[in-house]
């Protein structure tokens, strides 16, 4: 056990919001930190065996759009049916072309680095999720489980 600890709360389950907890956790683990991520509400999507996450340009004004669309394409246009699928595909292609690891790869790296991943039991129950839909190695627990670790952490992040 390390003297340094990082605790992360992951609440979002989209492609773009999935990267920060896995990148920060894997980096901290590589630097010798003990790391735990508490996944709650929509963040639980990141623990599913079949991780189907997307990115939505709608309501995300900071998202750079291809072909300078963020300068001329109306925001309401991002609500057009199919736009989310198109933007997700484009984002995944861009990341791949730049050599950015996929979420699955980053999640696997975290598991290899012994990052503890806790699925919020209350949220699992609330949304009638099946624990068998989650990857192996996930711990199910409540806020108290997270606080046991976070209370002694050097850094706690809410993502």
N, C-alpha and C. Protein backbone atom coordinates (compact mmCIF):
# COMPACT_ATOMS: atom_id res chain seq x y z
N UNK A 1 0.84 -1.18 0.00
CA UNK A 1 0.00 0.00 0.00
C UNK A 1 0.89 1.24 0.00
N UNK A 2 0.52 2.20 -0.85
CA UNK A 2 1.29 3.42 -1.00
C UNK A 2 0.91 4.44 0.07
N UNK A 3 1.80 5.40 0.26
CA UNK A 3 1.49 6.51 1.17
C UNK A 3 0.60 7.54 0.50
N UNK A 4 0.55 7.50 -0.84
CA UNK A 4 -0.23 8.48 -1.58
C UNK A 4 -1.52 7.84 -2.08
N UNK A 5 -2.63 8.60 -1.98
CA UNK A 5 -3.94 8.07 -2.38
C UNK A 5 -4.69 9.08 -3.23
N UNK A 6 -5.38 8.56 -4.25
CA UNK A 6 -6.25 9.36 -5.10
C UNK A 6 -7.62 8.73 -5.09
N UNK A 7 -8.63 9.53 -4.77
CA UNK A 7 -10.02 9.08 -4.80
C UNK A 7 -10.76 9.89 -5.86
N UNK A 8 -11.50 9.18 -6.72
CA UNK A 8 -12.24 9.84 -7.80
C UNK A 8 -13.70 9.42 -7.73
N UNK A 9 -14.59 10.39 -7.92
CA UNK A 9 -16.01 10.11 -8.07
C UNK A 9 -16.35 10.35 -9.54
N UNK A 10 -16.80 9.32 -10.25
CA UNK A 10 -17.14 9.42 -11.67
C UNK A 10 -18.67 9.37 -11.81
N UNK A 11 -19.24 10.45 -12.31
CA UNK A 11 -20.70 10.56 -12.37
C UNK A 11 -21.26 10.60 -13.79
N UNK A 12 -20.40 10.67 -14.78
CA UNK A 12 -20.87 10.83 -16.15
C UNK A 12 -20.50 9.61 -16.99
N UNK A 13 -21.39 9.23 -17.89
CA UNK A 13 -21.19 8.02 -18.67
C UNK A 13 -21.18 8.25 -20.17
N UNK A 14 -20.52 9.33 -20.60
CA UNK A 14 -20.40 9.59 -22.02
C UNK A 14 -18.95 9.36 -22.46
N UNK A 15 -18.75 9.30 -23.75
CA UNK A 15 -17.42 9.06 -24.29
C UNK A 15 -16.43 10.11 -23.80
N UNK A 16 -16.78 11.38 -23.92
CA UNK A 16 -15.86 12.44 -23.54
C UNK A 16 -15.64 12.53 -22.03
N UNK A 17 -16.64 12.24 -21.25
CA UNK A 17 -16.50 12.29 -19.79
C UNK A 17 -15.93 11.00 -19.21
N UNK A 18 -15.81 9.97 -20.03
CA UNK A 18 -15.22 8.71 -19.56
C UNK A 18 -13.71 8.76 -19.48
N UNK A 19 -13.10 9.59 -20.29
CA UNK A 19 -11.64 9.66 -20.32
C UNK A 19 -11.00 10.19 -19.03
N UNK A 20 -11.47 11.30 -18.47
CA UNK A 20 -10.77 11.85 -17.30
C UNK A 20 -10.57 10.87 -16.14
N UNK A 21 -11.60 10.14 -15.67
CA UNK A 21 -11.32 9.27 -14.53
C UNK A 21 -10.32 8.16 -14.84
N UNK A 22 -10.39 7.59 -16.05
CA UNK A 22 -9.48 6.50 -16.39
C UNK A 22 -8.05 7.00 -16.65
N UNK A 23 -7.91 8.15 -17.29
CA UNK A 23 -6.57 8.70 -17.52
C UNK A 23 -5.92 9.11 -16.20
N UNK A 24 -6.67 9.82 -15.37
CA UNK A 24 -6.10 10.27 -14.10
C UNK A 24 -5.79 9.09 -13.18
N UNK A 25 -6.67 8.10 -13.15
CA UNK A 25 -6.45 6.94 -12.28
C UNK A 25 -5.25 6.12 -12.74
N UNK A 26 -5.15 5.86 -14.04
CA UNK A 26 -4.03 5.04 -14.52
C UNK A 26 -2.71 5.79 -14.36
N UNK A 27 -2.72 7.09 -14.56
CA UNK A 27 -1.49 7.88 -14.37
C UNK A 27 -1.07 7.89 -12.91
N UNK A 28 -2.03 8.12 -12.03
CA UNK A 28 -1.71 8.12 -10.60
C UNK A 28 -1.19 6.76 -10.15
N UNK A 29 -1.81 5.70 -10.63
CA UNK A 29 -1.35 4.35 -10.27
C UNK A 29 0.09 4.13 -10.75
N UNK A 30 0.38 4.61 -11.96
CA UNK A 30 1.74 4.48 -12.50
C UNK A 30 2.75 5.28 -11.67
N UNK A 31 2.27 6.34 -11.02
CA UNK A 31 3.14 7.16 -10.17
C UNK A 31 3.20 6.65 -8.73
N UNK A 32 2.55 5.52 -8.48
CA UNK A 32 2.63 4.90 -7.16
C UNK A 32 1.50 5.20 -6.21
N UNK A 33 0.45 5.84 -6.67
CA UNK A 33 -0.70 6.12 -5.81
C UNK A 33 -1.58 4.88 -5.68
N UNK A 34 -2.23 4.73 -4.54
CA UNK A 34 -3.37 3.82 -4.41
C UNK A 34 -4.57 4.61 -4.92
N UNK A 35 -5.34 3.99 -5.80
CA UNK A 35 -6.42 4.72 -6.46
C UNK A 35 -7.74 3.96 -6.35
N UNK A 36 -8.81 4.69 -6.04
CA UNK A 36 -10.16 4.15 -6.08
C UNK A 36 -11.03 5.11 -6.87
N UNK A 37 -11.91 4.52 -7.70
CA UNK A 37 -12.91 5.31 -8.42
C UNK A 37 -14.28 4.82 -7.98
N UNK A 38 -15.10 5.75 -7.54
CA UNK A 38 -16.48 5.47 -7.16
C UNK A 38 -17.38 5.90 -8.31
N UNK A 39 -18.00 4.94 -8.98
CA UNK A 39 -18.87 5.21 -10.12
C UNK A 39 -20.31 5.27 -9.64
N UNK A 40 -20.96 6.38 -9.90
CA UNK A 40 -22.34 6.54 -9.47
C UNK A 40 -23.18 7.15 -10.59
N UNK A 41 -24.46 6.97 -10.50
CA UNK A 41 -25.42 7.43 -11.50
C UNK A 41 -24.92 7.05 -12.90
N UNK A 42 -24.81 8.01 -13.82
CA UNK A 42 -24.52 7.67 -15.22
C UNK A 42 -23.09 7.19 -15.41
N UNK A 43 -22.23 7.45 -14.46
CA UNK A 43 -20.86 6.95 -14.52
C UNK A 43 -20.78 5.44 -14.52
N UNK A 44 -21.84 4.78 -14.05
CA UNK A 44 -21.87 3.32 -14.05
C UNK A 44 -21.79 2.73 -15.45
N UNK A 45 -22.15 3.51 -16.47
CA UNK A 45 -22.06 3.02 -17.85
C UNK A 45 -20.62 2.66 -18.20
N UNK A 46 -19.67 3.27 -17.54
CA UNK A 46 -18.25 3.03 -17.82
C UNK A 46 -17.78 1.69 -17.28
N UNK A 47 -18.60 1.05 -16.46
CA UNK A 47 -18.24 -0.26 -15.90
C UNK A 47 -18.95 -1.42 -16.58
N UNK A 48 -19.79 -1.13 -17.54
CA UNK A 48 -20.53 -2.19 -18.23
C UNK A 48 -19.58 -3.01 -19.11
N UNK A 49 -19.84 -4.33 -19.18
CA UNK A 49 -19.04 -5.19 -20.06
C UNK A 49 -19.09 -4.67 -21.49
N UNK A 50 -20.28 -4.35 -21.93
CA UNK A 50 -20.50 -3.81 -23.26
C UNK A 50 -20.68 -2.30 -23.12
N UNK A 51 -19.56 -1.60 -23.10
CA UNK A 51 -19.58 -0.16 -22.85
C UNK A 51 -20.01 0.58 -24.12
N UNK A 52 -21.26 0.95 -24.18
CA UNK A 52 -21.79 1.69 -25.33
C UNK A 52 -21.97 3.14 -24.91
N UNK A 53 -20.92 3.91 -25.09
CA UNK A 53 -20.98 5.32 -24.72
C UNK A 53 -20.87 6.16 -25.97
N UNK A 54 -21.47 7.34 -25.91
CA UNK A 54 -21.43 8.24 -27.05
C UNK A 54 -21.10 9.64 -26.55
N UNK A 55 -20.92 10.52 -27.50
CA UNK A 55 -20.66 11.92 -27.18
C UNK A 55 -21.78 12.73 -27.80
N UNK A 56 -22.22 13.75 -27.09
CA UNK A 56 -23.30 14.57 -27.61
C UNK A 56 -22.83 16.01 -27.74
N UNK A 57 -22.93 16.57 -28.94
CA UNK A 57 -22.59 17.98 -29.10
C UNK A 57 -23.67 18.89 -28.50
N UNK A 58 -24.86 18.37 -28.30
CA UNK A 58 -25.96 19.15 -27.76
C UNK A 58 -25.68 19.52 -26.31
N UNK A 59 -25.72 20.78 -26.00
CA UNK A 59 -25.46 21.22 -24.64
C UNK A 59 -24.00 21.19 -24.26
N UNK A 60 -23.12 21.08 -25.26
CA UNK A 60 -21.69 21.02 -25.01
C UNK A 60 -21.01 22.08 -25.87
N UNK A 61 -21.18 23.36 -25.52
CA UNK A 61 -20.70 24.45 -26.37
C UNK A 61 -19.19 24.50 -26.53
N UNK A 62 -18.45 23.86 -25.66
CA UNK A 62 -17.00 23.86 -25.76
C UNK A 62 -16.45 22.81 -26.70
N UNK A 63 -17.33 21.96 -27.22
CA UNK A 63 -16.88 20.87 -28.08
C UNK A 63 -16.49 21.41 -29.46
N UNK A 64 -15.21 21.21 -29.86
CA UNK A 64 -14.83 21.65 -31.20
C UNK A 64 -15.53 20.78 -32.23
N UNK A 65 -16.08 21.40 -33.22
CA UNK A 65 -16.82 20.68 -34.25
C UNK A 65 -15.96 20.59 -35.51
N UNK A 66 -16.14 19.52 -36.29
CA UNK A 66 -15.37 19.40 -37.53
C UNK A 66 -15.78 20.47 -38.55
N UNK A 67 -14.86 20.76 -39.43
CA UNK A 67 -15.11 21.73 -40.52
C UNK A 67 -15.55 23.09 -39.98
N UNK A 68 -15.14 23.43 -38.77
CA UNK A 68 -15.50 24.72 -38.19
C UNK A 68 -16.98 24.89 -37.95
N UNK A 69 -17.70 23.75 -37.83
CA UNK A 69 -19.15 23.82 -37.66
C UNK A 69 -19.56 24.60 -36.42
N UNK A 70 -18.69 24.63 -35.41
CA UNK A 70 -19.04 25.35 -34.19
C UNK A 70 -19.13 26.86 -34.46
N UNK A 71 -18.62 27.30 -35.60
CA UNK A 71 -18.68 28.73 -35.95
C UNK A 71 -19.93 29.08 -36.76
N UNK A 72 -20.44 28.14 -37.56
CA UNK A 72 -21.54 28.46 -38.46
C UNK A 72 -22.78 27.58 -38.33
N UNK A 73 -22.63 26.39 -37.73
CA UNK A 73 -23.76 25.47 -37.63
C UNK A 73 -24.59 25.83 -36.41
N UNK A 74 -25.89 26.02 -36.54
CA UNK A 74 -26.70 26.41 -35.38
C UNK A 74 -26.73 25.32 -34.31
N UNK A 75 -26.70 25.73 -33.05
CA UNK A 75 -26.71 24.80 -31.93
C UNK A 75 -27.91 23.85 -32.02
N UNK A 76 -29.04 24.36 -32.43
CA UNK A 76 -30.25 23.52 -32.53
C UNK A 76 -30.03 22.39 -33.54
N UNK A 77 -29.13 22.60 -34.49
CA UNK A 77 -28.85 21.57 -35.49
C UNK A 77 -28.22 20.32 -34.89
N UNK A 78 -27.61 20.48 -33.72
CA UNK A 78 -27.01 19.31 -33.08
C UNK A 78 -28.06 18.35 -32.52
N UNK A 79 -29.32 18.80 -32.52
CA UNK A 79 -30.42 17.95 -32.05
C UNK A 79 -31.03 17.12 -33.18
N UNK A 80 -30.53 17.30 -34.39
CA UNK A 80 -31.05 16.54 -35.53
C UNK A 80 -30.85 15.05 -35.26
N UNK A 81 -31.88 14.22 -35.50
CA UNK A 81 -31.73 12.77 -35.28
C UNK A 81 -30.52 12.22 -36.03
N UNK A 82 -29.74 11.42 -35.34
CA UNK A 82 -28.55 10.81 -35.92
C UNK A 82 -27.27 11.61 -35.69
N UNK A 83 -27.41 12.88 -35.28
CA UNK A 83 -26.22 13.73 -35.09
C UNK A 83 -25.31 13.18 -33.99
N UNK A 84 -25.90 12.64 -32.92
CA UNK A 84 -25.10 12.09 -31.83
C UNK A 84 -24.26 10.91 -32.33
N UNK A 85 -24.86 10.04 -33.12
CA UNK A 85 -24.12 8.89 -33.67
C UNK A 85 -23.00 9.35 -34.59
N UNK A 86 -23.29 10.34 -35.41
CA UNK A 86 -22.27 10.86 -36.33
C UNK A 86 -21.12 11.48 -35.55
N UNK A 87 -21.43 12.29 -34.55
CA UNK A 87 -20.39 12.95 -33.76
C UNK A 87 -19.57 11.93 -32.96
N UNK A 88 -20.23 10.89 -32.46
CA UNK A 88 -19.52 9.84 -31.73
C UNK A 88 -18.54 9.13 -32.66
N UNK A 89 -19.00 8.78 -33.85
CA UNK A 89 -18.14 8.11 -34.82
C UNK A 89 -16.95 9.01 -35.18
N UNK A 90 -17.21 10.29 -35.42
CA UNK A 90 -16.15 11.22 -35.78
C UNK A 90 -15.14 11.39 -34.65
N UNK A 91 -15.64 11.45 -33.42
CA UNK A 91 -14.74 11.61 -32.27
C UNK A 91 -13.86 10.37 -32.10
N UNK A 92 -14.45 9.19 -32.23
CA UNK A 92 -13.67 7.96 -32.12
C UNK A 92 -12.61 7.87 -33.21
N UNK A 93 -12.96 8.26 -34.44
CA UNK A 93 -12.00 8.25 -35.54
C UNK A 93 -10.87 9.24 -35.27
N UNK A 94 -11.21 10.42 -34.78
CA UNK A 94 -10.20 11.44 -34.48
C UNK A 94 -9.24 10.94 -33.42
N UNK A 95 -9.78 10.34 -32.36
CA UNK A 95 -8.94 9.83 -31.28
C UNK A 95 -8.01 8.73 -31.79
N UNK A 96 -8.56 7.83 -32.58
CA UNK A 96 -7.76 6.74 -33.13
C UNK A 96 -6.65 7.28 -34.02
N UNK A 97 -6.96 8.27 -34.86
CA UNK A 97 -5.95 8.85 -35.76
C UNK A 97 -4.85 9.57 -35.00
N UNK A 98 -5.14 10.03 -33.79
CA UNK A 98 -4.16 10.73 -32.97
C UNK A 98 -3.45 9.78 -31.98
N UNK A 99 -3.81 8.49 -32.04
CA UNK A 99 -3.16 7.51 -31.17
C UNK A 99 -3.66 7.51 -29.74
N UNK A 100 -4.84 8.04 -29.51
CA UNK A 100 -5.42 8.07 -28.16
C UNK A 100 -6.03 6.71 -27.86
N UNK A 101 -5.70 6.17 -26.72
CA UNK A 101 -6.24 4.86 -26.32
C UNK A 101 -7.76 4.93 -26.20
N UNK A 102 -8.41 3.81 -26.46
CA UNK A 102 -9.86 3.74 -26.30
C UNK A 102 -10.21 3.66 -24.82
N UNK A 103 -11.47 3.91 -24.50
CA UNK A 103 -11.91 3.78 -23.11
C UNK A 103 -11.72 2.35 -22.60
N UNK A 104 -12.00 1.36 -23.46
CA UNK A 104 -11.79 -0.03 -23.06
C UNK A 104 -10.33 -0.29 -22.69
N UNK A 105 -9.42 0.26 -23.50
CA UNK A 105 -7.99 0.08 -23.22
C UNK A 105 -7.59 0.76 -21.92
N UNK A 106 -8.08 1.97 -21.71
CA UNK A 106 -7.75 2.69 -20.47
C UNK A 106 -8.34 2.00 -19.25
N UNK A 107 -9.54 1.49 -19.39
CA UNK A 107 -10.17 0.77 -18.28
C UNK A 107 -9.37 -0.48 -17.94
N UNK A 108 -8.94 -1.21 -18.96
CA UNK A 108 -8.11 -2.41 -18.76
C UNK A 108 -6.79 -2.05 -18.09
N UNK A 109 -6.21 -0.94 -18.51
CA UNK A 109 -4.97 -0.48 -17.90
C UNK A 109 -5.17 -0.20 -16.41
N UNK A 110 -6.29 0.41 -16.08
CA UNK A 110 -6.61 0.68 -14.67
C UNK A 110 -6.74 -0.62 -13.88
N UNK A 111 -7.42 -1.60 -14.46
CA UNK A 111 -7.57 -2.88 -13.78
C UNK A 111 -6.22 -3.56 -13.58
N UNK A 112 -5.36 -3.51 -14.58
CA UNK A 112 -4.02 -4.09 -14.47
C UNK A 112 -3.21 -3.38 -13.39
N UNK A 113 -3.44 -2.07 -13.24
CA UNK A 113 -2.71 -1.28 -12.25
C UNK A 113 -3.34 -1.36 -10.86
N UNK A 114 -4.34 -2.23 -10.71
CA UNK A 114 -5.02 -2.47 -9.43
C UNK A 114 -5.77 -1.25 -8.91
N UNK A 115 -6.31 -0.45 -9.83
CA UNK A 115 -7.20 0.64 -9.43
C UNK A 115 -8.50 -0.03 -8.98
N UNK A 116 -8.95 0.31 -7.79
CA UNK A 116 -10.19 -0.28 -7.27
C UNK A 116 -11.37 0.50 -7.84
N UNK A 117 -12.30 -0.23 -8.44
CA UNK A 117 -13.48 0.37 -9.03
C UNK A 117 -14.71 -0.05 -8.25
N UNK A 118 -15.41 0.95 -7.72
CA UNK A 118 -16.59 0.70 -6.88
C UNK A 118 -17.83 1.17 -7.62
N UNK A 119 -18.78 0.28 -7.79
CA UNK A 119 -20.08 0.63 -8.38
C UNK A 119 -21.03 0.97 -7.23
N UNK A 120 -21.65 2.13 -7.34
CA UNK A 120 -22.58 2.57 -6.30
C UNK A 120 -23.79 1.64 -6.24
N UNK A 121 -23.91 0.91 -5.16
CA UNK A 121 -24.99 -0.07 -5.02
C UNK A 121 -26.36 0.59 -5.06
N UNK A 122 -26.48 1.78 -4.46
CA UNK A 122 -27.76 2.47 -4.47
C UNK A 122 -28.21 2.77 -5.90
N UNK A 123 -27.28 3.22 -6.75
CA UNK A 123 -27.62 3.54 -8.13
C UNK A 123 -27.93 2.28 -8.92
N UNK A 124 -27.19 1.22 -8.68
CA UNK A 124 -27.45 -0.07 -9.34
C UNK A 124 -28.89 -0.49 -9.03
N UNK A 125 -29.26 -0.39 -7.76
CA UNK A 125 -30.62 -0.75 -7.36
C UNK A 125 -31.66 0.22 -7.92
N UNK A 126 -31.36 1.50 -7.88
CA UNK A 126 -32.28 2.53 -8.35
C UNK A 126 -32.66 2.32 -9.81
N UNK A 127 -31.69 2.00 -10.65
CA UNK A 127 -31.94 1.84 -12.08
C UNK A 127 -32.13 0.38 -12.49
N UNK A 128 -32.36 -0.49 -11.51
CA UNK A 128 -32.60 -1.91 -11.78
C UNK A 128 -31.53 -2.51 -12.70
N UNK A 129 -30.29 -2.17 -12.43
CA UNK A 129 -29.19 -2.71 -13.22
C UNK A 129 -28.87 -4.11 -12.74
N UNK A 130 -28.39 -4.94 -13.65
CA UNK A 130 -28.01 -6.30 -13.32
C UNK A 130 -26.51 -6.34 -13.07
N UNK A 131 -26.08 -6.71 -11.87
CA UNK A 131 -24.64 -6.77 -11.57
C UNK A 131 -23.84 -7.62 -12.55
N UNK A 132 -24.48 -8.59 -13.20
CA UNK A 132 -23.76 -9.42 -14.16
C UNK A 132 -23.41 -8.66 -15.45
N UNK A 133 -24.00 -7.48 -15.64
CA UNK A 133 -23.68 -6.66 -16.80
C UNK A 133 -22.36 -5.89 -16.64
N UNK A 134 -21.82 -5.93 -15.43
CA UNK A 134 -20.59 -5.18 -15.15
C UNK A 134 -19.36 -6.05 -15.36
N UNK A 135 -18.23 -5.40 -15.61
CA UNK A 135 -16.97 -6.11 -15.79
C UNK A 135 -16.55 -6.82 -14.51
N UNK A 136 -15.70 -7.80 -14.66
CA UNK A 136 -15.15 -8.49 -13.49
C UNK A 136 -14.23 -7.53 -12.75
N UNK A 137 -14.15 -7.70 -11.45
CA UNK A 137 -13.25 -6.89 -10.65
C UNK A 137 -13.89 -5.67 -10.02
N UNK A 138 -15.17 -5.45 -10.29
CA UNK A 138 -15.88 -4.32 -9.71
C UNK A 138 -16.35 -4.69 -8.31
N UNK A 139 -16.22 -3.76 -7.38
CA UNK A 139 -16.74 -3.90 -6.04
C UNK A 139 -18.04 -3.12 -5.96
N UNK A 140 -19.04 -3.65 -5.32
CA UNK A 140 -20.31 -2.94 -5.15
C UNK A 140 -20.35 -2.43 -3.72
N UNK A 141 -20.67 -1.15 -3.57
CA UNK A 141 -20.71 -0.57 -2.24
C UNK A 141 -21.38 0.78 -2.26
N UNK A 142 -21.60 1.30 -1.10
CA UNK A 142 -22.25 2.60 -0.98
C UNK A 142 -21.26 3.70 -0.70
N UNK A 143 -21.80 4.86 -0.41
CA UNK A 143 -20.97 6.03 -0.13
C UNK A 143 -20.01 5.78 1.03
N UNK A 144 -20.45 5.04 2.02
CA UNK A 144 -19.58 4.76 3.17
C UNK A 144 -18.32 4.00 2.74
N UNK A 145 -18.48 3.09 1.77
CA UNK A 145 -17.34 2.35 1.25
C UNK A 145 -16.33 3.31 0.63
N UNK A 146 -16.85 4.27 -0.15
CA UNK A 146 -15.98 5.26 -0.78
C UNK A 146 -15.30 6.13 0.28
N UNK A 147 -16.06 6.58 1.29
CA UNK A 147 -15.49 7.48 2.29
C UNK A 147 -14.40 6.82 3.15
N UNK A 148 -14.48 5.51 3.32
CA UNK A 148 -13.41 4.82 4.05
C UNK A 148 -12.06 5.10 3.40
N UNK A 149 -12.03 5.11 2.08
CA UNK A 149 -10.80 5.38 1.34
C UNK A 149 -10.57 6.88 1.17
N UNK A 150 -11.60 7.60 0.73
CA UNK A 150 -11.47 9.02 0.42
C UNK A 150 -11.10 9.85 1.64
N UNK A 151 -11.55 9.42 2.81
CA UNK A 151 -11.25 10.15 4.04
C UNK A 151 -9.77 10.21 4.35
N UNK A 152 -9.01 9.29 3.81
CA UNK A 152 -7.57 9.25 4.02
C UNK A 152 -6.79 9.63 2.76
N UNK A 153 -7.49 10.11 1.74
CA UNK A 153 -6.84 10.40 0.46
C UNK A 153 -6.14 11.74 0.46
N UNK A 154 -5.08 11.80 -0.34
CA UNK A 154 -4.36 13.06 -0.54
C UNK A 154 -5.09 13.94 -1.53
N UNK A 155 -5.74 13.31 -2.51
CA UNK A 155 -6.45 14.04 -3.56
C UNK A 155 -7.80 13.35 -3.76
N UNK A 156 -8.85 14.15 -3.82
CA UNK A 156 -10.18 13.64 -4.16
C UNK A 156 -10.74 14.50 -5.28
N UNK A 157 -11.18 13.83 -6.36
CA UNK A 157 -11.68 14.53 -7.54
C UNK A 157 -13.12 14.10 -7.81
N UNK A 158 -13.92 15.06 -8.25
CA UNK A 158 -15.30 14.81 -8.65
C UNK A 158 -15.38 15.07 -10.16
N UNK A 159 -15.68 14.04 -10.91
CA UNK A 159 -15.71 14.17 -12.37
C UNK A 159 -17.09 13.80 -12.87
